[in-house]
Amino acid sequence: MPQSNLARSTTTAAPHLALHRPPHPGGLKQAVRDLQQMLDNNQAEPSSNRQPSVVPVTRSKKMERLIERAMRFARSTATLLLTGESGTGKELVANLIHQHSPRADQPYIRINCAALAETLLESELFGHERGAFTGAFEARQGRLAAAADGTILLDEISEIPPRLQAKLLRVLEEKEFQIVGSNVTNRVDARVIATTNRCLARETAEGRFREDLFHRLCVLELHIPPLRERPEDVAVLAEFFVRRFAQEGEPAVRGISSEAVAMLCDYPWPGNVRQLRNVIHRACVVAESGTIGIGDLELKPPHSSDPSLDHLAHMRLEDLEREVIFAALRQTQGKKTVAARQLGVNPKTLTNKLKRYRDLGYSVGEFFS
């Protein structure tokens, strides 16, 4: 198997990213070449006051363009929205942007907006005074204040309740907020990066997300493509994970057989890079020789009859219906009558649904030709 530009990772927060120094004067490509040369010569990483930065492991032209744009965005202080399916690496790109920004020496604070109830989320974001609510036995600093002049990552921003959306809008517009239980206005200069696996334009059109907040969030926007759209990355990422898990103390697996690599490359990866990492981790544990073979890989059929349908669990029924309709139209080369017959619906029903999708901001022009 050809050698890939892989590097040792010493952080569990970035499982498929290679360590690298802060901004390189020769640009990203030269930085990657220098990193590989450093590893080949078995040199130590130079000391730095900053946290180690990261360069994504990729051979995809699409990802290379995305990284180059991310590097440009890193120089800005504008709010940034990262979109993409679960498991594509949105949080890792956010970390890359912070580490290559002028704020790299400042705090990098993360908060998962989907993991907390509304009251707890408000307290986590803005902090609270003692006695502000039941159980608030002492004052607590919020994540916004902790971020100070650094960066705050709002993971899964679409899950923020409407009331908190209004308070967050004030943060973005006025650079100020109030601690829960206090009337004192506090200033904040943290750069906000937000992520979502939903279509915020549709969420806005259907009234679940504030339109003014949506436009304020996506001053800059990056879409992280799913792994199935960059199949050339599967093999290089698999190799990287093998080396990473070996360094973390898993059984010493030296590599992956060509048959196993072919099998990995043929799989559509509904769970994206996160799923690939977990598959390789298991294979490293169960492999009885120094090479991962087909028998060591556990890949569920992409159209599994498993009633749990784990890879679709994050999708709402309306989202699933839309994807099925688009798939049928692509398969029938945009012939709505044939697609409607295949889907078991009236052609007029299909046309009405497409018009609705178009009104919500989806690209459906190709199906109206």
Protein backbone atom coordinates (compact mmCIF):
# COMPACT_ATOMS: atom_id res chain seq x y z
CA MET A 1 0.00 0.00 0.00
CA PRO A 2 1.37 3.50 -0.82
CA GLN A 3 2.65 5.58 2.03
CA SER A 4 0.39 8.40 3.19
CA ASN A 5 1.07 11.70 4.92
CA LEU A 6 0.32 10.50 8.42
CA ALA A 7 1.49 11.84 11.75
CA ARG A 8 1.29 10.91 15.37
CA SER A 9 -1.67 12.23 17.35
CA THR A 10 -1.46 13.00 21.05
CA THR A 11 -5.00 14.23 21.55
CA THR A 12 -8.24 12.28 21.70
CA ALA A 13 -10.13 15.36 20.57
CA ALA A 14 -8.83 15.04 17.00
CA PRO A 15 -8.90 11.35 16.00
CA HIS A 16 -8.29 11.77 12.30
CA LEU A 17 -6.11 14.85 12.24
CA ALA A 18 -2.34 14.98 12.20
CA LEU A 19 -0.40 17.29 14.50
CA HIS A 20 1.20 20.38 13.02
CA ARG A 21 2.67 23.71 14.07
CA PRO A 22 0.84 27.05 13.82
CA PRO A 23 0.58 28.90 10.46
CA HIS A 24 3.41 28.03 8.12
CA PRO A 25 4.95 30.80 6.00
CA GLY A 26 5.11 28.52 2.95
CA GLY A 27 1.40 27.72 2.99
CA LEU A 28 -0.55 24.56 3.75
CA LYS A 29 0.99 22.25 1.12
CA GLN A 30 4.53 23.20 2.11
CA ALA A 31 3.58 22.72 5.77
CA VAL A 32 2.40 19.18 5.09
CA ARG A 33 5.62 18.41 3.16
CA ASP A 34 7.73 19.78 6.01
CA LEU A 35 5.77 17.73 8.53
CA GLN A 36 6.38 14.54 6.56
CA GLN A 37 10.09 15.37 6.26
CA MET A 38 10.27 15.93 10.00
CA LEU A 39 8.73 12.52 10.66
CA ASP A 40 10.98 10.81 8.11
CA ASN A 41 14.04 12.28 9.83
CA ASN A 42 12.68 11.26 13.24
CA GLN A 43 13.01 14.81 14.53
CA ALA A 44 11.22 16.09 17.59
CA GLU A 45 8.39 18.58 17.31
CA PRO A 46 9.73 22.09 18.03
CA SER A 47 8.50 23.61 21.25
CA SER A 48 5.76 26.20 21.09
CA ASN A 49 3.66 28.15 23.54
CA ARG A 50 0.58 27.30 21.50
CA GLN A 51 -1.36 24.06 21.57
CA PRO A 52 -0.39 21.69 18.71
CA SER A 53 -2.36 22.53 15.59
CA VAL A 54 -3.75 20.05 13.12
CA VAL A 55 -3.80 19.33 9.40
CA PRO A 56 -6.55 16.96 8.19
CA VAL A 57 -5.41 13.64 6.75
CA THR A 58 -6.78 13.74 3.20
CA ARG A 59 -6.09 13.07 -0.47
CA SER A 60 -9.37 14.61 -1.60
CA LYS A 61 -9.19 17.69 -3.82
CA LYS A 62 -12.55 18.72 -2.38
CA MET A 63 -11.14 18.61 1.15
CA GLU A 64 -7.94 20.39 0.12
CA ARG A 65 -10.01 23.28 -1.23
CA LEU A 66 -12.05 23.32 1.96
CA ILE A 67 -8.90 23.44 4.10
CA GLU A 68 -7.47 26.29 2.06
CA ARG A 69 -10.70 28.24 2.55
CA ALA A 70 -10.69 27.41 6.27
CA MET A 71 -7.18 28.87 6.51
CA ARG A 72 -8.43 32.12 4.96
CA PHE A 73 -11.43 32.19 7.30
CA ALA A 74 -9.09 31.65 10.27
CA ARG A 75 -7.72 35.17 9.80
CA SER A 76 -11.18 36.69 10.21
CA THR A 77 -13.18 37.46 13.36
CA ALA A 78 -16.53 36.97 11.59
CA THR A 79 -19.02 34.40 12.84
CA LEU A 80 -18.62 31.07 11.04
CA LEU A 81 -21.17 28.29 10.42
CA LEU A 82 -19.92 24.75 9.77
CA THR A 83 -22.48 22.40 8.21
CA GLY A 84 -22.36 18.70 7.40
CA GLU A 85 -23.60 15.28 8.42
CA SER A 86 -22.80 13.77 11.81
CA GLY A 87 -19.31 12.29 11.95
CA THR A 88 -17.77 14.31 9.12
CA GLY A 89 -15.39 16.25 11.39
CA LYS A 90 -17.01 19.67 11.85
CA GLU A 91 -15.59 20.10 15.34
CA LEU A 92 -12.12 19.19 14.11
CA VAL A 93 -12.28 21.82 11.35
CA ALA A 94 -13.37 24.35 13.98
CA ASN A 95 -10.30 23.43 16.03
CA LEU A 96 -8.10 23.82 12.95
CA ILE A 97 -9.50 27.30 12.33
CA HIS A 98 -8.93 28.40 15.93
CA GLN A 99 -5.35 27.08 16.01
CA HIS A 100 -4.48 28.99 12.82
CA SER A 101 -6.15 32.21 13.93
CA PRO A 102 -4.66 35.26 15.68
CA ARG A 103 -6.58 33.99 18.75
CA ALA A 104 -4.67 30.70 18.95
CA ASP A 105 -3.06 31.73 22.27
CA GLN A 106 -6.47 32.51 23.76
CA PRO A 107 -9.07 30.04 25.15
CA TYR A 108 -10.94 27.64 22.88
CA ILE A 109 -14.26 26.78 24.58
CA ARG A 110 -16.76 24.19 23.33
CA ILE A 111 -20.37 23.56 24.29
CA ASN A 112 -22.77 20.92 22.95
CA CYS A 113 -26.12 22.70 22.59
CA ALA A 114 -27.99 19.42 22.04
CA ALA A 115 -26.80 17.80 25.26
CA LEU A 116 -28.33 20.20 27.79
CA ALA A 117 -31.83 21.18 28.82
CA GLU A 118 -32.78 24.83 28.24
CA THR A 119 -32.11 26.03 31.82
CA LEU A 120 -28.76 24.27 32.02
CA LEU A 121 -27.76 25.48 28.57
CA GLU A 122 -28.53 29.08 29.52
CA SER A 123 -26.43 28.74 32.64
CA GLU A 124 -23.58 27.10 30.74
CA LEU A 125 -23.54 29.85 28.13
CA PHE A 126 -24.06 32.96 30.25
CA GLY A 127 -23.22 31.83 33.79
CA HIS A 128 -25.44 32.43 36.83
CA GLU A 129 -25.49 34.24 40.14
CA ARG A 130 -25.98 32.48 43.43
CA GLY A 131 -29.69 31.84 44.02
CA ALA A 132 -30.64 32.58 40.40
CA PHE A 133 -32.66 29.35 40.28
CA THR A 134 -33.27 26.25 42.37
CA GLY A 135 -29.99 24.49 42.96
CA ALA A 136 -27.81 27.54 42.18
CA PHE A 137 -25.94 27.42 45.50
CA GLU A 138 -23.01 29.44 44.21
CA ALA A 139 -22.20 31.79 41.35
CA ARG A 140 -20.73 30.24 38.20
CA GLN A 141 -18.90 31.69 35.23
CA GLY A 142 -20.40 30.94 31.82
CA ARG A 143 -18.65 29.64 28.73
CA LEU A 144 -18.91 33.01 26.97
CA ALA A 145 -16.97 34.72 29.74
CA ALA A 146 -14.47 31.85 29.83
CA ALA A 147 -13.85 32.23 26.09
CA ALA A 148 -12.84 35.88 26.68
CA ASP A 149 -10.86 37.00 23.60
CA GLY A 150 -10.63 33.47 22.20
CA THR A 151 -13.09 31.26 20.34
CA ILE A 152 -16.32 29.58 21.43
CA LEU A 153 -17.71 26.62 19.50
CA LEU A 154 -21.50 26.17 19.66
CA ASP A 155 -21.95 22.55 18.57
CA GLU A 156 -25.37 21.68 17.05
CA ILE A 157 -26.61 25.27 17.15
CA SER A 158 -29.97 24.25 15.64
CA GLU A 159 -30.95 22.67 18.97
CA ILE A 160 -30.94 25.98 20.89
CA PRO A 161 -34.49 26.82 22.12
CA PRO A 162 -36.17 29.98 20.72
CA ARG A 163 -35.79 32.03 23.93
CA LEU A 164 -32.06 31.43 24.03
CA GLN A 165 -31.80 32.15 20.30
CA ALA A 166 -32.88 35.73 21.06
CA LYS A 167 -30.23 36.07 23.81
CA LEU A 168 -27.56 34.62 21.54
CA LEU A 169 -28.51 37.11 18.81
CA ARG A 170 -27.76 39.93 21.25
CA VAL A 171 -24.33 38.42 21.87
CA LEU A 172 -23.58 38.39 18.14
CA GLU A 173 -25.07 41.81 17.40
CA GLU A 174 -24.06 43.81 20.47
CA LYS A 175 -21.14 41.75 21.86
CA GLU A 176 -22.78 41.77 25.27
CA PHE A 177 -24.79 39.50 27.59
CA GLN A 178 -26.22 39.28 31.09
CA ILE A 179 -25.48 36.56 33.63
CA VAL A 180 -28.58 34.64 34.71
CA GLY A 181 -29.94 36.37 37.83
CA SER A 182 -28.08 39.63 37.19
CA ASN A 183 -28.97 42.94 35.53
CA VAL A 184 -25.35 43.84 34.86
CA THR A 185 -24.34 43.89 31.19
CA ASN A 186 -21.06 42.16 30.37
CA ARG A 187 -18.94 42.61 27.26
CA VAL A 188 -17.57 39.67 25.27
CA ASP A 189 -15.18 39.55 22.31
CA ALA A 190 -15.03 35.81 21.66
CA ARG A 191 -15.28 34.65 18.07
CA VAL A 192 -18.31 32.39 17.57
CA ILE A 193 -18.11 29.23 15.45
CA ALA A 194 -21.31 27.18 15.17
CA THR A 195 -21.97 23.71 13.76
CA THR A 196 -25.13 21.93 12.63
CA ASN A 197 -26.10 18.74 10.82
CA ARG A 198 -29.46 20.24 9.84
CA CYS A 199 -30.41 22.60 7.01
CA LEU A 200 -30.77 25.90 8.89
CA ALA A 201 -32.44 27.53 5.88
CA ARG A 202 -35.24 24.96 6.13
CA GLU A 203 -35.35 25.24 9.93
CA THR A 204 -35.77 29.00 9.48
CA ALA A 205 -38.45 28.67 6.78
CA GLU A 206 -40.45 26.31 8.98
CA GLY A 207 -40.25 28.60 12.02
CA ARG A 208 -37.94 26.54 14.23
CA PHE A 209 -34.97 28.91 13.97
CA ARG A 210 -34.82 32.70 14.00
CA GLU A 211 -34.15 34.16 10.58
CA ASP A 212 -32.11 37.08 11.94
CA LEU A 213 -29.93 34.68 13.94
CA PHE A 214 -29.49 32.43 10.92
CA HIS A 215 -28.20 35.29 8.77
CA ARG A 216 -25.96 36.50 11.60
CA LEU A 217 -24.44 33.04 12.06
CA CYS A 218 -23.57 32.36 8.42
CA VAL A 219 -21.52 35.45 7.67
CA LEU A 220 -18.97 32.80 6.70
CA GLU A 221 -19.97 29.20 5.95
CA LEU A 222 -18.17 25.92 5.25
CA HIS A 223 -19.83 22.64 4.31
CA ILE A 224 -17.92 19.49 5.29
CA PRO A 225 -18.58 16.81 2.63
CA PRO A 226 -19.57 13.30 3.77
CA LEU A 227 -17.00 10.53 3.44
CA ARG A 228 -18.91 8.90 0.55
CA GLU A 229 -18.21 12.03 -1.53
CA ARG A 230 -14.45 11.72 -0.97
CA PRO A 231 -13.76 7.97 -1.29
CA GLU A 232 -10.07 8.62 -1.89
CA ASP A 233 -9.80 9.46 1.81
CA VAL A 234 -11.02 6.07 3.07
CA ALA A 235 -7.72 4.19 2.67
CA VAL A 236 -5.51 6.97 4.03
CA LEU A 237 -7.76 7.49 7.05
CA ALA A 238 -7.90 3.75 7.72
CA GLU A 239 -4.08 3.62 7.72
CA PHE A 240 -3.96 6.60 10.05
CA PHE A 241 -6.36 5.02 12.53
CA VAL A 242 -4.36 1.76 12.53
CA ARG A 243 -1.23 3.66 13.54
CA ARG A 244 -3.06 5.77 16.07
CA PHE A 245 -4.63 2.83 17.88
CA ALA A 246 -1.29 1.01 17.90
CA GLN A 247 0.27 4.02 19.62
CA GLU A 248 -2.53 3.98 22.19
CA GLY A 249 -1.69 0.45 23.25
CA GLU A 250 -3.92 -1.70 21.05
CA PRO A 251 -2.40 -4.92 19.59
CA ALA A 252 0.36 -4.16 17.10
CA VAL A 253 -1.38 -4.33 13.73
CA ARG A 254 1.06 -3.39 10.96
CA GLY A 255 -1.44 -2.61 8.21
CA ILE A 256 -4.51 -3.58 6.19
CA SER A 257 -4.72 -6.12 3.36
CA SER A 258 -5.53 -4.88 -0.13
CA GLU A 259 -8.78 -6.91 -0.07
CA ALA A 260 -9.83 -5.24 3.18
CA VAL A 261 -8.99 -1.80 1.78
CA ALA A 262 -11.12 -2.52 -1.30
CA MET A 263 -13.99 -3.54 0.96
CA LEU A 264 -13.67 -0.34 2.98
CA CYS A 265 -13.59 1.78 -0.18
CA ASP A 266 -16.76 0.14 -1.53
CA TYR A 267 -18.76 0.89 1.62
CA PRO A 268 -20.92 4.10 1.65
CA TRP A 269 -20.13 5.05 5.29
CA PRO A 270 -23.45 6.48 6.53
CA GLY A 271 -21.71 7.31 9.83
CA ASN A 272 -18.82 9.02 8.01
CA VAL A 273 -15.32 9.30 9.52
CA ARG A 274 -16.55 8.51 13.02
CA GLN A 275 -17.93 5.17 11.83
CA LEU A 276 -14.71 4.36 9.95
CA ARG A 277 -12.67 5.08 13.08
CA ASN A 278 -14.82 2.71 15.15
CA VAL A 279 -14.66 -0.05 12.52
CA ILE A 280 -10.85 0.16 12.41
CA HIS A 281 -10.64 0.25 16.21
CA ARG A 282 -12.60 -3.00 16.47
CA ALA A 283 -10.55 -4.58 13.68
CA CYS A 284 -7.30 -3.72 15.50
CA VAL A 285 -8.59 -5.53 18.58
CA VAL A 286 -9.92 -8.70 16.91
CA ALA A 287 -7.21 -9.16 14.25
CA GLU A 288 -5.20 -12.31 15.01
CA SER A 289 -2.30 -11.42 12.74
CA GLY A 290 -0.37 -8.24 12.09
CA THR A 291 -2.61 -7.36 9.15
CA ILE A 292 -6.31 -6.52 9.15
CA GLY A 293 -8.20 -8.76 6.73
CA ILE A 294 -11.77 -8.86 5.45
CA GLY A 295 -12.78 -11.19 8.28
CA ASP A 296 -11.76 -8.58 10.84
CA LEU A 297 -14.09 -5.91 9.46
CA GLU A 298 -17.64 -5.63 10.74
CA LEU A 299 -19.64 -3.63 8.21
CA LYS A 300 -23.41 -3.66 8.33
CA PRO A 301 -25.06 -3.71 4.88
CA PRO A 302 -25.84 -0.11 3.89
CA HIS A 303 -29.50 -1.06 3.47
CA SER A 304 -29.56 -3.21 6.58
CA SER A 305 -32.81 -4.86 7.62
CA ASP A 306 -31.80 -4.19 11.20
CA PRO A 307 -34.97 -2.67 12.71
CA SER A 308 -32.96 -0.17 14.75
CA LEU A 309 -31.63 1.55 11.58
CA ASP A 310 -29.04 3.35 13.68
CA HIS A 311 -27.59 5.30 10.76
CA LEU A 312 -31.01 6.91 10.08
CA ALA A 313 -31.90 7.59 13.70
CA HIS A 314 -30.81 11.24 13.53
CA MET A 315 -33.11 11.99 10.57
CA ARG A 316 -36.69 13.18 10.82
CA LEU A 317 -39.32 11.46 8.66
CA GLU A 318 -39.73 14.53 6.44
CA ASP A 319 -35.97 14.64 5.84
CA LEU A 320 -35.92 10.94 4.99
CA GLU A 321 -38.85 11.35 2.60
CA ARG A 322 -37.08 14.18 0.79
CA GLU A 323 -33.88 12.16 0.38
CA VAL A 324 -35.84 9.17 -0.97
CA ILE A 325 -37.61 11.40 -3.50
CA PHE A 326 -34.33 12.96 -4.69
CA ALA A 327 -32.75 9.51 -4.96
CA ALA A 328 -35.65 8.24 -7.08
CA LEU A 329 -35.40 11.26 -9.39
CA ARG A 330 -31.67 10.81 -9.82
CA GLN A 331 -32.18 7.13 -10.57
CA THR A 332 -34.81 7.93 -13.20
CA GLN A 333 -32.73 10.80 -14.63
CA GLY A 334 -35.27 13.41 -13.51
CA LYS A 335 -38.32 11.76 -15.10
CA LYS A 336 -41.01 12.69 -12.61
CA THR A 337 -43.69 10.36 -13.98
CA VAL A 338 -41.39 7.34 -13.79
CA ALA A 339 -40.13 8.37 -10.35
CA ALA A 340 -43.70 8.85 -9.08
CA ARG A 341 -44.62 5.35 -10.29
CA GLN A 342 -41.54 3.93 -8.58
CA LEU A 343 -42.41 5.76 -5.34
CA GLY A 344 -46.07 4.76 -5.53
CA VAL A 345 -47.43 8.32 -5.54
CA ASN A 346 -49.39 10.49 -7.95
CA PRO A 347 -47.15 12.56 -10.30
CA LYS A 348 -48.99 15.72 -9.19
CA THR A 349 -48.16 14.90 -5.56
CA LEU A 350 -44.51 14.55 -6.49
CA THR A 351 -44.53 17.87 -8.38
CA ASN A 352 -46.12 19.65 -5.41
CA LYS A 353 -43.49 18.25 -3.05
CA LEU A 354 -40.70 19.44 -5.35
CA LYS A 355 -42.21 22.92 -5.48
CA ARG A 356 -42.30 22.95 -1.68
CA TYR A 357 -38.67 21.86 -1.47
CA ARG A 358 -37.72 24.63 -3.89
CA ASP A 359 -39.55 27.21 -1.77
CA LEU A 360 -37.60 25.98 1.27
CA GLY A 361 -34.32 26.65 -0.50
CA TYR A 362 -33.35 23.22 -1.81
CA SER A 363 -31.73 22.90 -5.24
CA VAL A 364 -34.40 21.13 -7.29
CA GLY A 365 -34.05 23.03 -10.58
CA GLU A 366 -32.58 19.99 -12.34
CA PHE A 367 -35.87 18.15 -11.80
CA PHE A 368 -37.98 20.84 -13.46
CA SER A 369 -36.29 20.72 -16.86
